[in-house]
Amino acid sequence: MKPVYALLAAAFAVLPAGFAGAAETNVAVAANFTNAAKDIAAAFTEETGDTVLLSFGSTGKLYAQIANGAPFSVFLAADQARAKKAVDEGFAVEGSEFTYAIGKLVLFSEDADLVDDNGAVLNAPDSFSKLAIANPAAAPYGAAAVETMTSLNVYDALQPKLVQGDSISQTFQFVATGNAELGFVALSQVIGNDSGSQWVVPAELYEPIRQDGVLTNAGADDDVAKAFLDFLKGDKATAIIEGYGYAVE
């Protein structure tokens, strides 16, 4: 037995009697929702005794994995399109999709003086050499970044400075490590961060980032997955989601 399984077995061995039948489910999570998902999964386990195994990545890559048979019971996408596509293409349960969060885009820099409160730095390209965005083909936050720059009529001028992360997590790392002076990231990644500088991009500059969850075919008979989705719609999860800067319906 591998050590990790031994640890899990030990953990389950000391669960309260009411959790004797504790089980687990596999959930694919868009990278922007990493921290919120971890907190929600912990709250779910505390309440039910069941375990949520989280896998993070760009929405596009996670969708491709599901389409190729990855055993995820739940797919928490960073957009509506891929959750709907999962249903339309027969990979998810019809009628199970719902919006669990509405994301917000932020222009962020570790430099406290670089980003002001109206994004004017985007009109001063000589003040930075690299601007990080997530791959717009795979990550909805990357697509929103392109929409924002296009709305501001700066996309063509800034395109030579763009560096792309595979996911919003990698994009944030580019900025956090100084490989890019600034970047478009998710508000959830920098909320409460007093260092650096940031501009919350006005919602009218990009299409709403409505993030939908869906029960996959692999989870059709997974009671833990269904319970987790119900929990995600409840008050405890909603409070966590809002705490990370997302809007909810």
Foldseek 3Di string as FASTA:
>chain_A
DDPVVVVVVVVLVPDPPQCVVAEEFEEEAEAQCVVLVVVLQVVLCVVRVHGYHYDYFFQQVVLVCLVVPDLHQKYWHQADVSQVVCVVVQFFDPPFKDFLWWWWKKKWALAQPQADQPRCNLVVCVVWQAEEAADVVGHVLRVQVLLLCVLVVRCVVCVVRYDYDPHLVVSVVCRVVVVTRIYMHILLVCVVPPGTDMYTRDPVSGPIRGIMMTGTPSNPVPPSSVVSSVSSPDDVSSVSNVVSPTDDD
